[in-house]
Amino acid sequence: MANLIWMVLAILTPLAWLVPHLSGQSESMPPLAVATLSGLAIVGAAFMLSWATELAEEYVPASFALIVLALISVLPEYAVDMHFAWMAGKDPVYREYAVANMTGANRILIGVGWSMLVFVQYFQGRGKVLEVLPTQRLELGFLLAATMYSLILPIKGTISLIDTVVLFVLFGLYVWRSLKVEQHEHPLLGPAKWIADRTASPARIAIIAVFLVYACAAIWFSAEPFAEGLIEVGKHWDVDEFVLIQLVAPLASESPEFIVAILFVLRHRGSMALGALVSSKVNQWTLLVGAIPLFYCASRGDFSPMELEARPKEELLLTSAQSLFAVAVLADLKFTLLEATALFVLFVIPWLPWLQQPGMHYAFSGLYFILALFIGLGSEMRRRQFARLLKLRG
């Protein structure tokens, strides 16, 4: 019954936005209502996408699933950020917003997503250590490579099509190497399992198609109003738009993935849940970052790099530093409660209002770098584990 309720809510939620939006009534709505309803539409669409991609894995080759379904599942996050990147090509103000959404998505995935898996396991009474699958060395290696490259971006102060090529190539290499690693089956959970248990193959395929089309349409009609609504809410309520976009937008689009990961932990599959979120981080840290200059240049109609102002450079460095620390933490294939707490606390503190001053996040970046060096290079064993990641093998 609970699974049916989840599905009904996910299907009906986008209608609360699509009906007034397509009928033209949304134009008279206040910004808060626009941001709320369009944001909830994206959340509902994201849940449908997650169920559809889970079900679709049964019908497509592993190589296709790895690339296409991975992209579909993160479509809500990309839709919002690509709107900002496109608008940045027309209005320089949006450059900050594009970087805000991208850095927020990446930091939330680690600071909240990874950490909560250990917290859930601990409160279940199943210990303080979450084991990392040995095959995840591949993801961690590519995450390390992408992180090392990302350190260049705030130094040079631009994101360009050259960065797009490098990051897309990294993702392509990741996919190619992943296909050579033994793939573990992901058992169906929640509504996806409920659908699979009650439908024959033809009906299941039809449900997958309906979910994909409906969810993509909901995201298409919601991404721009949601993004613009957040900006207007910030201006109207005197809240920093940068922080709103960096925190609220990613939480909306990432929530289904987090819930699925928690369900895996509750079913004693914490390692599989962590593996999925590490893979998502690789996806976001390569494709999401690399797509920004692609849309920016397409909007401008030239090949100019996107200039980064002071705040985006600071946020990019902080995101890179957090990523480096996270890789160092998982390099030994053990994720402890203490390490998860450190990741969560270090994620939360920079969001405090009195720490939103220019230059403050450079201090937190330095702290991340120090901790990463201490953990990654603190012993001979740690140095060997860290070096093994650079071989980019599972």
Protein backbone atom coordinates (compact mmCIF):
# COMPACT_ATOMS: atom_id res chain seq x y z
CA MET A 1 0.00 0.00 0.00
CA ALA A 2 2.83 2.40 0.87
CA ASN A 3 4.46 1.84 -2.52
CA LEU A 4 1.19 2.60 -4.29
CA ILE A 5 0.82 5.83 -2.31
CA TRP A 6 4.37 6.85 -3.25
CA MET A 7 3.61 6.30 -6.93
CA VAL A 8 0.34 8.19 -6.84
CA LEU A 9 2.00 11.14 -5.10
CA ALA A 10 4.87 11.18 -7.60
CA ILE A 11 2.44 11.13 -10.54
CA LEU A 12 0.06 13.77 -9.16
CA THR A 13 2.66 16.20 -7.80
CA PRO A 14 3.84 17.50 -11.21
CA LEU A 15 0.20 18.17 -12.18
CA ALA A 16 -0.06 20.79 -9.44
CA TRP A 17 2.44 22.81 -11.48
CA LEU A 18 1.81 21.65 -15.04
CA VAL A 19 -1.93 22.47 -15.04
CA PRO A 20 -1.60 26.15 -14.04
CA HIS A 21 1.61 26.59 -16.02
CA LEU A 22 0.28 25.22 -19.31
CA SER A 23 -3.00 27.11 -18.86
CA GLY A 24 -1.16 30.40 -18.31
CA GLN A 25 -2.35 30.84 -14.72
CA SER A 26 1.19 30.54 -13.31
CA GLU A 27 2.05 34.01 -14.62
CA SER A 28 0.04 35.59 -11.81
CA MET A 29 1.48 33.35 -9.08
CA PRO A 30 3.89 34.81 -6.48
CA PRO A 31 7.54 33.68 -6.81
CA LEU A 32 7.36 31.45 -3.72
CA ALA A 33 4.42 29.50 -5.18
CA VAL A 34 6.18 29.16 -8.54
CA ALA A 35 9.41 27.92 -6.94
CA THR A 36 7.56 25.53 -4.62
CA LEU A 37 5.21 23.95 -7.16
CA SER A 38 7.78 23.68 -9.95
CA GLY A 39 10.34 22.34 -7.47
CA LEU A 40 7.91 19.69 -6.25
CA ALA A 41 7.18 18.81 -9.89
CA ILE A 42 10.90 18.15 -10.38
CA VAL A 43 10.99 16.01 -7.24
CA GLY A 44 8.03 13.93 -8.45
CA ALA A 45 9.61 13.58 -11.89
CA ALA A 46 12.90 12.54 -10.32
CA PHE A 47 11.18 9.73 -8.43
CA MET A 48 9.52 8.49 -11.62
CA LEU A 49 12.85 8.61 -13.45
CA SER A 50 14.53 6.59 -10.70
CA TRP A 51 11.83 3.89 -10.86
CA ALA A 52 11.82 3.82 -14.65
CA THR A 53 15.60 3.47 -14.89
CA GLU A 54 15.59 0.69 -12.27
CA LEU A 55 12.97 -1.23 -14.26
CA ALA A 56 14.65 -0.52 -17.61
CA GLU A 57 17.95 -2.12 -16.56
CA GLU A 58 16.27 -5.51 -17.12
CA TYR A 59 15.73 -4.81 -20.82
CA VAL A 60 18.89 -3.06 -22.04
CA PRO A 61 22.54 -4.14 -22.40
CA ALA A 62 24.88 -3.24 -19.55
CA SER A 63 26.87 -0.84 -21.74
CA PHE A 64 23.73 1.06 -22.72
CA ALA A 65 22.42 1.12 -19.17
CA LEU A 66 25.69 2.46 -17.79
CA ILE A 67 25.71 5.48 -20.09
CA VAL A 68 22.15 6.35 -21.05
CA LEU A 69 20.28 5.36 -17.91
CA ALA A 70 22.88 7.06 -15.73
CA LEU A 71 22.27 10.28 -17.67
CA ILE A 72 18.49 9.94 -17.46
CA SER A 73 18.54 9.43 -13.70
CA VAL A 74 20.37 12.73 -13.12
CA LEU A 75 18.35 14.68 -15.67
CA PRO A 76 16.66 16.91 -13.03
CA GLU A 77 20.02 18.15 -11.78
CA TYR A 78 21.31 18.79 -15.29
CA ALA A 79 18.14 20.54 -16.42
CA VAL A 80 18.39 23.22 -13.74
CA ASP A 81 22.12 23.80 -14.16
CA MET A 82 21.97 23.87 -17.94
CA HIS A 83 19.29 26.56 -17.73
CA PHE A 84 21.66 28.68 -15.68
CA ALA A 85 24.56 27.94 -18.06
CA TRP A 86 22.43 28.89 -21.09
CA MET A 87 21.27 32.12 -19.46
CA ALA A 88 24.87 32.91 -18.45
CA GLY A 89 25.68 33.22 -22.14
CA LYS A 90 23.16 36.07 -22.33
CA ASP A 91 23.47 37.63 -18.88
CA PRO A 92 26.77 37.53 -16.90
CA VAL A 93 24.85 37.49 -13.59
CA TYR A 94 23.89 33.87 -14.26
CA ARG A 95 27.52 32.73 -14.28
CA GLU A 96 27.45 32.67 -10.49
CA TYR A 97 24.19 30.75 -10.46
CA ALA A 98 25.52 28.04 -12.79
CA VAL A 99 28.52 27.49 -10.53
CA ALA A 100 26.35 27.69 -7.40
CA ASN A 101 24.06 24.86 -8.51
CA MET A 102 26.93 22.69 -9.71
CA THR A 103 29.07 23.09 -6.58
CA GLY A 104 26.06 22.68 -4.31
CA ALA A 105 25.04 19.45 -6.02
CA ASN A 106 28.52 18.00 -5.70
CA ARG A 107 29.03 19.00 -2.07
CA ILE A 108 25.57 17.82 -0.96
CA LEU A 109 26.12 14.45 -2.60
CA ILE A 110 29.20 13.85 -0.43
CA GLY A 111 28.42 15.82 2.71
CA VAL A 112 24.82 14.60 3.06
CA GLY A 113 24.47 11.62 0.71
CA TRP A 114 27.57 9.63 1.58
CA SER A 115 27.48 10.47 5.29
CA MET A 116 23.85 9.56 5.88
CA LEU A 117 24.47 5.97 4.76
CA VAL A 118 26.85 5.40 7.66
CA PHE A 119 24.48 7.18 10.06
CA VAL A 120 21.55 4.97 9.00
CA GLN A 121 23.63 1.81 9.32
CA TYR A 122 24.87 2.85 12.77
CA PHE A 123 21.37 3.62 14.08
CA GLN A 124 20.27 0.23 12.79
CA GLY A 125 22.80 -1.24 15.21
CA ARG A 126 25.01 -2.71 12.48
CA GLY A 127 28.33 -1.15 13.44
CA LYS A 128 30.34 1.99 12.83
CA VAL A 129 32.04 0.95 9.59
CA LEU A 130 30.55 0.77 6.12
CA GLU A 131 32.60 -1.46 3.86
CA VAL A 132 33.41 -0.14 0.39
CA LEU A 133 33.30 -2.64 -2.48
CA PRO A 134 36.78 -3.30 -3.94
CA THR A 135 35.40 -2.58 -7.42
CA GLN A 136 34.75 1.00 -6.25
CA ARG A 137 38.45 1.71 -6.56
CA LEU A 138 37.67 2.39 -10.21
CA GLU A 139 35.15 5.12 -9.37
CA LEU A 140 37.40 6.54 -6.68
CA GLY A 141 40.33 6.62 -9.09
CA PHE A 142 38.40 8.56 -11.71
CA LEU A 143 36.95 10.81 -9.02
CA LEU A 144 40.51 11.54 -7.90
CA ALA A 145 41.59 12.28 -11.48
CA ALA A 146 38.62 14.62 -12.05
CA THR A 147 39.28 16.31 -8.71
CA MET A 148 42.94 16.93 -9.51
CA TYR A 149 41.91 18.48 -12.83
CA SER A 150 39.18 20.57 -11.18
CA LEU A 151 41.84 22.34 -9.10
CA ILE A 152 42.94 24.05 -12.31
CA LEU A 153 39.58 25.78 -12.82
CA PRO A 154 39.69 28.30 -9.93
CA ILE A 155 43.37 28.96 -10.62
CA LYS A 156 42.83 29.91 -14.26
CA GLY A 157 39.53 31.60 -13.45
CA THR A 158 37.54 30.21 -16.39
CA ILE A 159 35.58 27.15 -17.49
CA SER A 160 36.07 26.54 -21.20
CA LEU A 161 35.37 24.04 -23.95
CA ILE A 162 38.84 22.60 -23.34
CA ASP A 163 37.62 21.64 -19.87
CA THR A 164 34.53 20.12 -21.48
CA VAL A 165 36.70 17.90 -23.67
CA VAL A 166 38.95 16.81 -20.80
CA LEU A 167 36.08 16.02 -18.43
CA PHE A 168 34.00 14.28 -21.09
CA VAL A 169 37.02 12.16 -22.05
CA LEU A 170 37.47 11.25 -18.38
CA PHE A 171 33.85 10.13 -18.21
CA GLY A 172 34.23 8.16 -21.44
CA LEU A 173 37.31 6.40 -20.04
CA TYR A 174 35.39 5.70 -16.85
CA VAL A 175 32.57 4.07 -18.81
CA TRP A 176 35.03 2.06 -20.93
CA ARG A 177 36.88 0.77 -17.87
CA SER A 178 33.62 0.09 -16.02
CA LEU A 179 32.46 -2.22 -18.78
CA LYS A 180 35.48 -4.41 -18.09
CA VAL A 181 34.66 -4.71 -14.40
CA GLU A 182 32.22 -7.31 -13.17
CA GLN A 183 28.84 -5.63 -12.74
CA HIS A 184 26.73 -6.41 -9.67
CA GLU A 185 23.00 -6.77 -10.08
CA HIS A 186 20.96 -4.14 -8.26
CA PRO A 187 17.83 -5.71 -6.77
CA LEU A 188 14.63 -3.76 -7.24
CA LEU A 189 13.27 -1.88 -4.26
CA GLY A 190 10.14 0.05 -3.34
CA PRO A 191 7.73 1.06 -6.12
CA ALA A 192 9.98 -0.39 -8.83
CA LYS A 193 9.75 -3.83 -7.20
CA TRP A 194 6.01 -3.35 -6.63
CA ILE A 195 5.52 -2.72 -10.36
CA ALA A 196 7.77 -5.60 -11.41
CA ASP A 197 5.95 -8.06 -9.13
CA ARG A 198 2.52 -7.13 -10.51
CA THR A 199 3.05 -6.64 -14.23
CA ALA A 200 4.05 -8.75 -17.19
CA SER A 201 6.85 -7.64 -19.48
CA PRO A 202 4.77 -5.74 -22.11
CA ALA A 203 2.88 -3.77 -19.46
CA ARG A 204 6.12 -3.07 -17.60
CA ILE A 205 7.72 -1.65 -20.75
CA ALA A 206 4.68 0.55 -21.28
CA ILE A 207 4.92 1.84 -17.70
CA ILE A 208 8.63 2.59 -18.19
CA ALA A 209 7.87 4.56 -21.35
CA VAL A 210 5.04 6.53 -19.71
CA PHE A 211 7.14 7.36 -16.67
CA LEU A 212 10.08 8.50 -18.81
CA VAL A 213 7.99 10.66 -21.14
CA TYR A 214 5.88 12.16 -18.36
CA ALA A 215 8.87 12.83 -16.11
CA CYS A 216 10.92 14.41 -18.90
CA ALA A 217 7.98 16.64 -19.84
CA ALA A 218 7.53 17.68 -16.21
CA ILE A 219 11.22 18.56 -15.94
CA TRP A 220 11.15 20.44 -19.25
CA PHE A 221 8.28 22.67 -18.11
CA SER A 222 9.56 23.04 -14.54
CA ALA A 223 13.34 23.60 -14.71
CA GLU A 224 13.29 27.22 -15.89
CA PRO A 225 10.41 28.39 -13.60
CA PHE A 226 12.04 26.63 -10.63
CA ALA A 227 15.43 28.22 -11.28
CA GLU A 228 14.00 31.67 -11.90
CA GLY A 229 11.56 31.30 -9.01
CA LEU A 230 14.42 30.67 -6.57
CA ILE A 231 16.15 33.83 -7.77
CA GLU A 232 12.99 35.88 -7.31
CA VAL A 233 12.33 34.38 -3.87
CA GLY A 234 15.84 35.34 -2.79
CA LYS A 235 15.37 38.91 -3.98
CA HIS A 236 11.89 39.23 -2.48
CA TRP A 237 12.78 37.77 0.92
CA ASP A 238 16.28 39.29 1.04
CA VAL A 239 17.90 35.85 1.03
CA ASP A 240 21.18 35.25 -0.78
CA GLU A 241 20.14 33.83 -4.17
CA PHE A 242 23.52 32.12 -4.50
CA VAL A 243 22.92 30.12 -1.30
CA LEU A 244 19.32 29.28 -2.27
CA ILE A 245 20.41 27.92 -5.64
CA GLN A 246 23.39 26.11 -4.14
CA LEU A 247 21.37 24.39 -1.42
CA VAL A 248 17.67 24.13 -2.33
CA ALA A 249 17.87 23.22 -6.02
CA PRO A 250 20.26 20.25 -5.57
CA LEU A 251 18.34 18.93 -2.55
CA ALA A 252 15.17 18.83 -4.65
CA SER A 253 16.75 16.97 -7.53
CA GLU A 254 18.96 14.65 -5.43
CA SER A 255 16.28 13.57 -2.93
CA PRO A 256 15.01 10.48 -4.82
CA GLU A 257 18.54 9.15 -5.21
CA PHE A 258 19.18 9.63 -1.49
CA ILE A 259 15.96 7.83 -0.56
CA VAL A 260 16.79 4.86 -2.79
CA ALA A 261 20.27 4.69 -1.24
CA ILE A 262 18.78 4.69 2.28
CA LEU A 263 16.44 1.85 1.30
CA PHE A 264 19.47 -0.19 0.23
CA VAL A 265 21.11 0.43 3.62
CA LEU A 266 17.93 -0.56 5.45
CA ARG A 267 18.02 -3.83 3.51
CA HIS A 268 21.63 -4.47 4.55
CA ARG A 269 23.10 -3.41 1.19
CA GLY A 270 25.03 -0.37 2.38
CA SER A 271 28.08 -1.07 0.21
CA MET A 272 25.90 -1.14 -2.90
CA ALA A 273 24.22 2.12 -1.85
CA LEU A 274 27.55 3.84 -1.33
CA GLY A 275 28.79 2.53 -4.67
CA ALA A 276 25.81 4.09 -6.43
CA LEU A 277 26.41 7.49 -4.81
CA VAL A 278 30.14 7.38 -5.57
CA SER A 279 29.28 6.68 -9.22
CA SER A 280 26.89 9.64 -9.17
CA LYS A 281 29.68 11.86 -7.87
CA VAL A 282 31.92 10.80 -10.78
CA ASN A 283 29.05 11.57 -13.15
CA GLN A 284 28.43 15.02 -11.70
CA TRP A 285 32.10 15.94 -11.33
CA THR A 286 32.79 15.17 -14.99
CA LEU A 287 29.64 15.54 -17.11
CA LEU A 288 27.85 18.21 -15.07
CA VAL A 289 30.91 20.44 -14.84
CA GLY A 290 31.88 19.80 -18.46
CA ALA A 291 28.40 20.59 -19.77
CA ILE A 292 28.40 24.13 -18.37
CA PRO A 293 30.78 25.69 -20.94
CA LEU A 294 29.10 23.68 -23.69
CA PHE A 295 25.72 25.32 -23.05
CA TYR A 296 27.33 28.66 -22.27
CA CYS A 297 29.11 28.77 -25.64
CA ALA A 298 26.03 27.53 -27.50
CA SER A 299 24.02 30.35 -25.97
CA ARG A 300 26.62 32.97 -26.89
CA GLY A 301 27.24 31.57 -30.36
CA ASP A 302 31.04 31.62 -29.93
CA PHE A 303 33.83 29.72 -28.16
CA SER A 304 34.51 32.18 -25.33
CA PRO A 305 35.32 30.63 -21.95
CA MET A 306 33.00 31.41 -19.05
CA GLU A 307 34.77 33.82 -16.71
CA LEU A 308 34.61 33.05 -13.00
CA GLU A 309 34.21 35.85 -10.49
CA ALA A 310 35.67 35.74 -6.98
CA ARG A 311 32.84 33.85 -5.29
CA PRO A 312 32.51 31.05 -7.89
CA LYS A 313 36.29 30.52 -7.78
CA GLU A 314 36.15 30.23 -4.00
CA GLU A 315 33.25 27.77 -4.14
CA LEU A 316 34.91 25.67 -6.83
CA LEU A 317 38.07 25.35 -4.76
CA LEU A 318 36.05 24.36 -1.69
CA THR A 319 34.19 21.71 -3.71
CA SER A 320 37.45 20.32 -5.09
CA ALA A 321 38.98 20.23 -1.62
CA GLN A 322 35.99 18.37 -0.19
CA SER A 323 36.17 15.87 -3.05
CA LEU A 324 39.88 15.25 -2.41
CA PHE A 325 39.23 14.69 1.29
CA ALA A 326 36.37 12.30 0.51
CA VAL A 327 38.56 10.20 -1.80
CA ALA A 328 41.26 10.04 0.88
CA VAL A 329 38.66 8.86 3.40
CA LEU A 330 37.44 5.99 1.19
CA ALA A 331 40.85 4.97 -0.20
CA ASP A 332 41.20 2.20 2.41
CA LEU A 333 37.74 0.86 1.44
CA LYS A 334 36.35 1.56 4.91
CA PHE A 335 33.97 4.41 5.73
CA THR A 336 33.77 4.91 9.48
CA LEU A 337 31.25 6.77 11.61
CA LEU A 338 33.93 9.28 12.61
CA GLU A 339 34.82 9.96 8.97
CA ALA A 340 31.16 10.31 8.00
CA THR A 341 30.61 12.74 10.88
CA ALA A 342 33.64 14.77 9.78
CA LEU A 343 32.35 14.95 6.20
CA PHE A 344 28.90 16.05 7.39
CA VAL A 345 30.11 18.64 9.92
CA LEU A 346 32.64 20.14 7.49
CA PHE A 347 29.85 20.33 4.90
CA VAL A 348 27.43 22.11 7.25
CA ILE A 349 29.72 24.68 8.90
CA PRO A 350 30.48 26.77 5.77
CA TRP A 351 26.72 27.30 5.29
CA LEU A 352 26.41 29.24 8.56
CA PRO A 353 25.35 32.83 7.76
CA TRP A 354 28.30 34.49 9.52
CA LEU A 355 30.71 32.41 7.42
CA GLN A 356 29.29 33.62 4.10
CA GLN A 357 31.91 36.38 3.94
CA PRO A 358 34.39 36.69 1.03
CA GLY A 359 37.46 34.55 1.59
CA MET A 360 36.09 32.48 4.48
CA HIS A 361 35.67 29.37 2.36
CA TYR A 362 39.34 29.46 1.40
CA ALA A 363 40.07 28.63 5.04
CA PHE A 364 37.79 25.60 4.86
CA SER A 365 39.44 24.55 1.61
CA GLY A 366 42.79 24.65 3.38
CA LEU A 367 41.41 22.52 6.21
CA TYR A 368 40.14 19.94 3.71
CA PHE A 369 43.53 19.83 1.99
CA ILE A 370 45.37 19.37 5.28
CA LEU A 371 43.04 16.55 6.34
CA ALA A 372 43.34 14.91 2.91
CA LEU A 373 47.13 14.97 3.10
CA PHE A 374 47.10 13.68 6.67
CA ILE A 375 44.74 10.79 5.87
CA GLY A 376 46.00 9.99 2.37
CA LEU A 377 49.72 10.23 3.08
CA GLY A 378 49.82 9.67 6.83
CA SER A 379 51.18 6.13 6.65
CA GLU A 380 52.90 3.82 4.21
CA MET A 381 49.75 1.72 3.86
CA ARG A 382 47.63 4.80 3.14
CA ARG A 383 50.12 6.03 0.55
CA ARG A 384 49.98 2.66 -1.23
CA GLN A 385 46.18 2.71 -1.20
CA PHE A 386 46.08 6.25 -2.54
CA ALA A 387 48.61 5.41 -5.27
CA ARG A 388 46.59 2.36 -6.26
CA LEU A 389 43.64 4.60 -7.09
CA LEU A 390 45.74 6.42 -9.68
CA LYS A 391 45.96 3.20 -11.71
CA LEU A 392 42.24 3.66 -12.52
CA ARG A 393 41.40 0.01 -12.05
CA GLY A 394 38.64 -1.75 -10.18
